Amino acid sequence: MASMVEEITKRYEDFLAIPFPAGHRTKTIGDKTLALYQSEMLGYVISYSNTNGALGSRQKVVLTKDFNDLKKALPEFSKEAQEYFQELLSIVEVVLHTAHDQPQL
């Protein structure tokens, strides 16, 4: 059975193959565009994958805020964008629930 990190890595790779929803790249939530939300969130997913499931506490705080902001704004998006960002949220939710703390250096 694949580990959670392997599963998230696969879902991340599959997600990258989906085109960004038309007309939503410059849509903003607060002072961030959806493209920036996506980039930030996927960056933390990559960190999770590259550290065998670890995230620092600051990373978790920012990722949780991004997750909550995007989830709250989701009903305002087109159906296509709702499906796209729901998949991103689904991946991030698993990361948030399974990430362990990064060791202090």
N, C-alpha and C. Protein backbone atom coordinates (compact mmCIF):
# COMPACT_ATOMS: atom_id res chain seq x y z
N MET A 1 0.84 -1.19 0.00
CA MET A 1 0.00 0.00 0.00
C MET A 1 0.89 1.25 0.00
N ALA A 2 0.54 2.20 -0.83
CA ALA A 2 1.33 3.43 -0.94
C ALA A 2 1.21 4.26 0.33
N SER A 3 2.28 4.94 0.66
CA SER A 3 2.25 5.81 1.83
C SER A 3 1.41 7.05 1.51
N MET A 4 1.03 7.76 2.55
CA MET A 4 0.25 8.99 2.38
C MET A 4 1.05 10.01 1.56
N VAL A 5 2.35 10.10 1.80
CA VAL A 5 3.19 11.03 1.06
C VAL A 5 3.19 10.67 -0.43
N GLU A 6 3.30 9.39 -0.74
CA GLU A 6 3.26 8.96 -2.15
C GLU A 6 1.90 9.27 -2.77
N GLU A 7 0.84 9.07 -2.03
CA GLU A 7 -0.50 9.35 -2.52
C GLU A 7 -0.66 10.84 -2.81
N ILE A 8 -0.20 11.68 -1.90
CA ILE A 8 -0.30 13.13 -2.09
C ILE A 8 0.56 13.57 -3.28
N THR A 9 1.74 12.99 -3.40
CA THR A 9 2.62 13.33 -4.53
C THR A 9 1.93 12.98 -5.85
N LYS A 10 1.29 11.84 -5.92
CA LYS A 10 0.57 11.42 -7.14
C LYS A 10 -0.60 12.37 -7.42
N ARG A 11 -1.36 12.70 -6.38
CA ARG A 11 -2.49 13.62 -6.56
C ARG A 11 -2.01 14.99 -7.00
N TYR A 12 -0.90 15.44 -6.45
CA TYR A 12 -0.29 16.72 -6.84
C TYR A 12 0.07 16.69 -8.33
N GLU A 13 0.73 15.62 -8.77
CA GLU A 13 1.13 15.50 -10.17
C GLU A 13 -0.09 15.46 -11.09
N ASP A 14 -1.13 14.74 -10.69
CA ASP A 14 -2.36 14.69 -11.48
C ASP A 14 -3.02 16.07 -11.54
N PHE A 15 -2.99 16.79 -10.42
CA PHE A 15 -3.59 18.11 -10.36
C PHE A 15 -2.89 19.07 -11.32
N LEU A 16 -1.58 18.97 -11.41
CA LEU A 16 -0.83 19.86 -12.31
C LEU A 16 -1.22 19.69 -13.78
N ALA A 17 -1.76 18.54 -14.12
CA ALA A 17 -2.18 18.29 -15.50
C ALA A 17 -3.51 18.94 -15.85
N ILE A 18 -4.25 19.41 -14.85
CA ILE A 18 -5.55 20.04 -15.08
C ILE A 18 -5.33 21.51 -15.40
N PRO A 19 -5.92 22.02 -16.48
CA PRO A 19 -5.73 23.43 -16.81
C PRO A 19 -6.37 24.36 -15.78
N PHE A 20 -5.69 25.47 -15.52
CA PHE A 20 -6.21 26.48 -14.60
C PHE A 20 -7.51 27.01 -15.20
N PRO A 21 -8.56 27.19 -14.40
CA PRO A 21 -9.86 27.62 -14.93
C PRO A 21 -9.79 28.98 -15.63
N ALA A 22 -10.35 29.03 -16.81
CA ALA A 22 -10.37 30.26 -17.60
C ALA A 22 -11.05 31.38 -16.82
N GLY A 23 -10.46 32.57 -16.90
CA GLY A 23 -11.06 33.74 -16.29
C GLY A 23 -10.86 33.87 -14.80
N HIS A 24 -10.10 32.98 -14.19
CA HIS A 24 -9.93 33.02 -12.74
C HIS A 24 -8.50 33.32 -12.29
N ARG A 25 -7.56 33.39 -13.22
CA ARG A 25 -6.16 33.58 -12.85
C ARG A 25 -5.94 34.88 -12.08
N THR A 26 -6.63 35.95 -12.45
CA THR A 26 -6.43 37.24 -11.78
C THR A 26 -7.52 37.56 -10.75
N LYS A 27 -8.47 36.66 -10.58
CA LYS A 27 -9.50 36.86 -9.55
C LYS A 27 -8.81 36.89 -8.19
N THR A 28 -9.25 37.78 -7.33
CA THR A 28 -8.58 37.92 -6.04
C THR A 28 -9.48 37.56 -4.86
N ILE A 29 -8.83 37.13 -3.81
CA ILE A 29 -9.44 36.95 -2.50
C ILE A 29 -8.58 37.82 -1.59
N GLY A 30 -9.16 38.89 -1.08
CA GLY A 30 -8.36 39.84 -0.32
C GLY A 30 -7.35 40.48 -1.25
N ASP A 31 -6.07 40.37 -0.91
CA ASP A 31 -5.04 40.97 -1.74
C ASP A 31 -4.24 39.95 -2.53
N LYS A 32 -4.71 38.70 -2.60
CA LYS A 32 -3.99 37.65 -3.33
C LYS A 32 -4.84 37.16 -4.50
N THR A 33 -4.16 36.93 -5.62
CA THR A 33 -4.85 36.33 -6.76
C THR A 33 -5.00 34.82 -6.52
N LEU A 34 -5.93 34.22 -7.24
CA LEU A 34 -6.09 32.76 -7.14
C LEU A 34 -4.83 32.05 -7.60
N ALA A 35 -4.14 32.62 -8.58
CA ALA A 35 -2.88 32.02 -9.03
C ALA A 35 -1.86 31.99 -7.89
N LEU A 36 -1.82 33.06 -7.11
CA LEU A 36 -0.89 33.10 -5.98
C LEU A 36 -1.31 32.11 -4.89
N TYR A 37 -2.62 32.02 -4.62
CA TYR A 37 -3.10 31.01 -3.66
C TYR A 37 -2.66 29.62 -4.10
N GLN A 38 -2.88 29.33 -5.37
CA GLN A 38 -2.53 28.00 -5.87
C GLN A 38 -1.02 27.77 -5.73
N SER A 39 -0.22 28.73 -6.13
CA SER A 39 1.23 28.57 -6.05
C SER A 39 1.70 28.36 -4.62
N GLU A 40 1.19 29.16 -3.71
CA GLU A 40 1.57 29.04 -2.31
C GLU A 40 1.19 27.68 -1.75
N MET A 41 -0.05 27.29 -1.99
CA MET A 41 -0.54 26.03 -1.44
C MET A 41 0.22 24.84 -2.02
N LEU A 42 0.47 24.87 -3.32
CA LEU A 42 1.20 23.77 -3.94
C LEU A 42 2.65 23.74 -3.48
N GLY A 43 3.20 24.90 -3.17
CA GLY A 43 4.55 24.93 -2.61
C GLY A 43 4.64 24.17 -1.30
N TYR A 44 3.61 24.32 -0.46
CA TYR A 44 3.58 23.59 0.81
C TYR A 44 3.35 22.10 0.58
N VAL A 45 2.57 21.76 -0.44
CA VAL A 45 2.38 20.35 -0.78
C VAL A 45 3.71 19.74 -1.22
N ILE A 46 4.49 20.48 -2.01
CA ILE A 46 5.81 20.00 -2.44
C ILE A 46 6.72 19.82 -1.21
N SER A 47 6.69 20.80 -0.30
CA SER A 47 7.49 20.68 0.92
C SER A 47 7.12 19.42 1.69
N TYR A 48 5.83 19.18 1.81
CA TYR A 48 5.32 17.99 2.50
C TYR A 48 5.88 16.72 1.83
N SER A 49 5.81 16.70 0.50
CA SER A 49 6.30 15.53 -0.24
C SER A 49 7.80 15.35 -0.10
N ASN A 50 8.54 16.46 -0.16
CA ASN A 50 10.00 16.39 -0.12
C ASN A 50 10.57 16.12 1.26
N THR A 51 9.77 16.30 2.30
CA THR A 51 10.25 16.08 3.68
C THR A 51 9.58 14.87 4.31
N ASN A 52 9.05 13.99 3.48
CA ASN A 52 8.40 12.77 3.96
C ASN A 52 7.25 13.07 4.93
N GLY A 53 6.47 14.11 4.59
CA GLY A 53 5.26 14.39 5.36
C GLY A 53 5.42 15.41 6.46
N ALA A 54 6.47 16.21 6.43
CA ALA A 54 6.69 17.20 7.49
C ALA A 54 6.39 18.61 6.98
N LEU A 55 5.87 19.44 7.88
CA LEU A 55 5.71 20.88 7.64
C LEU A 55 6.06 21.60 8.94
N GLY A 56 6.66 22.76 8.81
CA GLY A 56 6.93 23.58 9.98
C GLY A 56 5.65 24.22 10.50
N SER A 57 5.68 24.68 11.72
CA SER A 57 4.48 25.27 12.31
C SER A 57 4.04 26.52 11.56
N ARG A 58 4.97 27.35 11.11
CA ARG A 58 4.60 28.54 10.32
C ARG A 58 3.97 28.14 9.00
N GLN A 59 4.52 27.11 8.38
CA GLN A 59 3.94 26.62 7.13
C GLN A 59 2.50 26.17 7.34
N LYS A 60 2.26 25.46 8.44
CA LYS A 60 0.91 24.99 8.74
C LYS A 60 -0.06 26.15 8.97
N VAL A 61 0.41 27.20 9.65
CA VAL A 61 -0.43 28.37 9.91
C VAL A 61 -0.83 29.04 8.60
N VAL A 62 0.14 29.28 7.72
CA VAL A 62 -0.15 29.94 6.43
C VAL A 62 -1.03 29.04 5.57
N LEU A 63 -0.72 27.76 5.51
CA LEU A 63 -1.51 26.84 4.70
C LEU A 63 -2.94 26.74 5.20
N THR A 64 -3.13 26.73 6.50
CA THR A 64 -4.47 26.69 7.08
C THR A 64 -5.26 27.94 6.72
N LYS A 65 -4.61 29.11 6.81
CA LYS A 65 -5.28 30.36 6.44
C LYS A 65 -5.66 30.37 4.97
N ASP A 66 -4.72 29.97 4.10
CA ASP A 66 -5.01 29.91 2.67
C ASP A 66 -6.18 28.95 2.39
N PHE A 67 -6.14 27.80 3.04
CA PHE A 67 -7.19 26.79 2.89
C PHE A 67 -8.55 27.40 3.25
N ASN A 68 -8.62 28.03 4.41
CA ASN A 68 -9.89 28.61 4.88
C ASN A 68 -10.37 29.74 3.99
N ASP A 69 -9.45 30.61 3.55
CA ASP A 69 -9.82 31.72 2.66
C ASP A 69 -10.39 31.20 1.34
N LEU A 70 -9.69 30.23 0.75
CA LEU A 70 -10.12 29.69 -0.54
C LEU A 70 -11.44 28.94 -0.41
N LYS A 71 -11.58 28.17 0.64
CA LYS A 71 -12.83 27.41 0.86
C LYS A 71 -14.02 28.36 1.00
N LYS A 72 -13.82 29.45 1.72
CA LYS A 72 -14.90 30.42 1.93
C LYS A 72 -15.31 31.10 0.62
N ALA A 73 -14.35 31.35 -0.27
CA ALA A 73 -14.63 32.04 -1.53
C ALA A 73 -15.14 31.12 -2.63
N LEU A 74 -15.01 29.83 -2.45
CA LEU A 74 -15.35 28.84 -3.49
C LEU A 74 -16.73 29.03 -4.13
N PRO A 75 -17.80 29.33 -3.37
CA PRO A 75 -19.12 29.46 -3.99
C PRO A 75 -19.22 30.59 -5.03
N GLU A 76 -18.27 31.54 -5.00
CA GLU A 76 -18.30 32.65 -5.95
C GLU A 76 -17.71 32.28 -7.31
N PHE A 77 -17.11 31.11 -7.43
CA PHE A 77 -16.41 30.72 -8.66
C PHE A 77 -17.35 30.01 -9.62
N SER A 78 -16.92 29.93 -10.89
CA SER A 78 -17.65 29.14 -11.89
C SER A 78 -17.64 27.68 -11.47
N LYS A 79 -18.51 26.89 -12.06
CA LYS A 79 -18.58 25.46 -11.73
C LYS A 79 -17.23 24.78 -12.00
N GLU A 80 -16.62 25.11 -13.14
CA GLU A 80 -15.32 24.53 -13.49
C GLU A 80 -14.27 24.90 -12.44
N ALA A 81 -14.25 26.16 -12.03
CA ALA A 81 -13.28 26.61 -11.03
C ALA A 81 -13.57 25.99 -9.67
N GLN A 82 -14.83 25.82 -9.34
CA GLN A 82 -15.18 25.17 -8.06
C GLN A 82 -14.62 23.76 -8.02
N GLU A 83 -14.77 23.01 -9.10
CA GLU A 83 -14.25 21.64 -9.16
C GLU A 83 -12.73 21.62 -9.07
N TYR A 84 -12.10 22.53 -9.80
CA TYR A 84 -10.63 22.63 -9.81
C TYR A 84 -10.09 22.93 -8.41
N PHE A 85 -10.62 23.98 -7.80
CA PHE A 85 -10.11 24.38 -6.49
C PHE A 85 -10.56 23.43 -5.39
N GLN A 86 -11.66 22.73 -5.57
CA GLN A 86 -12.07 21.73 -4.58
C GLN A 86 -11.05 20.60 -4.54
N GLU A 87 -10.50 20.23 -5.69
CA GLU A 87 -9.46 19.20 -5.71
C GLU A 87 -8.21 19.70 -4.99
N LEU A 88 -7.83 20.95 -5.22
CA LEU A 88 -6.69 21.52 -4.50
C LEU A 88 -6.95 21.52 -3.00
N LEU A 89 -8.13 21.94 -2.60
CA LEU A 89 -8.49 21.95 -1.18
C LEU A 89 -8.46 20.55 -0.58
N SER A 90 -8.91 19.58 -1.35
CA SER A 90 -8.93 18.20 -0.88
C SER A 90 -7.50 17.70 -0.62
N ILE A 91 -6.59 18.02 -1.51
CA ILE A 91 -5.18 17.63 -1.34
C ILE A 91 -4.61 18.31 -0.10
N VAL A 92 -4.84 19.61 0.01
CA VAL A 92 -4.31 20.39 1.14
C VAL A 92 -4.89 19.91 2.46
N GLU A 93 -6.16 19.55 2.47
CA GLU A 93 -6.78 19.06 3.70
C GLU A 93 -6.07 17.81 4.22
N VAL A 94 -5.75 16.90 3.31
CA VAL A 94 -5.02 15.69 3.72
C VAL A 94 -3.64 16.07 4.26
N VAL A 95 -2.97 16.98 3.57
CA VAL A 95 -1.65 17.43 4.03
C VAL A 95 -1.75 18.01 5.44
N LEU A 96 -2.72 18.88 5.66
CA LEU A 96 -2.87 19.49 6.99
C LEU A 96 -3.16 18.47 8.08
N HIS A 97 -3.92 17.43 7.74
CA HIS A 97 -4.29 16.43 8.75
C HIS A 97 -3.21 15.38 8.99
N THR A 98 -2.28 15.24 8.05
CA THR A 98 -1.29 14.16 8.20
C THR A 98 0.13 14.67 8.39
N ALA A 99 0.37 15.96 8.19
CA ALA A 99 1.75 16.49 8.33
C ALA A 99 2.22 16.40 9.77
N HIS A 100 3.45 15.98 9.90
CA HIS A 100 4.07 16.00 11.23
C HIS A 100 5.03 17.19 11.27
N ASP A 101 5.45 17.56 12.46
CA ASP A 101 6.31 18.72 12.63
C ASP A 101 7.70 18.48 12.06
N GLN A 102 8.22 19.51 11.40
CA GLN A 102 9.61 19.43 10.95
C GLN A 102 10.51 19.56 12.16
N PRO A 103 11.58 18.81 12.17
CA PRO A 103 12.51 18.94 13.29
C PRO A 103 13.18 20.32 13.28
N GLN A 104 13.46 20.85 14.46
CA GLN A 104 14.16 22.12 14.58
C GLN A 104 15.62 21.93 14.23
N LEU A 105 16.19 22.85 13.49
CA LEU A 105 17.62 22.78 13.13
C LEU A 105 18.44 23.56 14.14
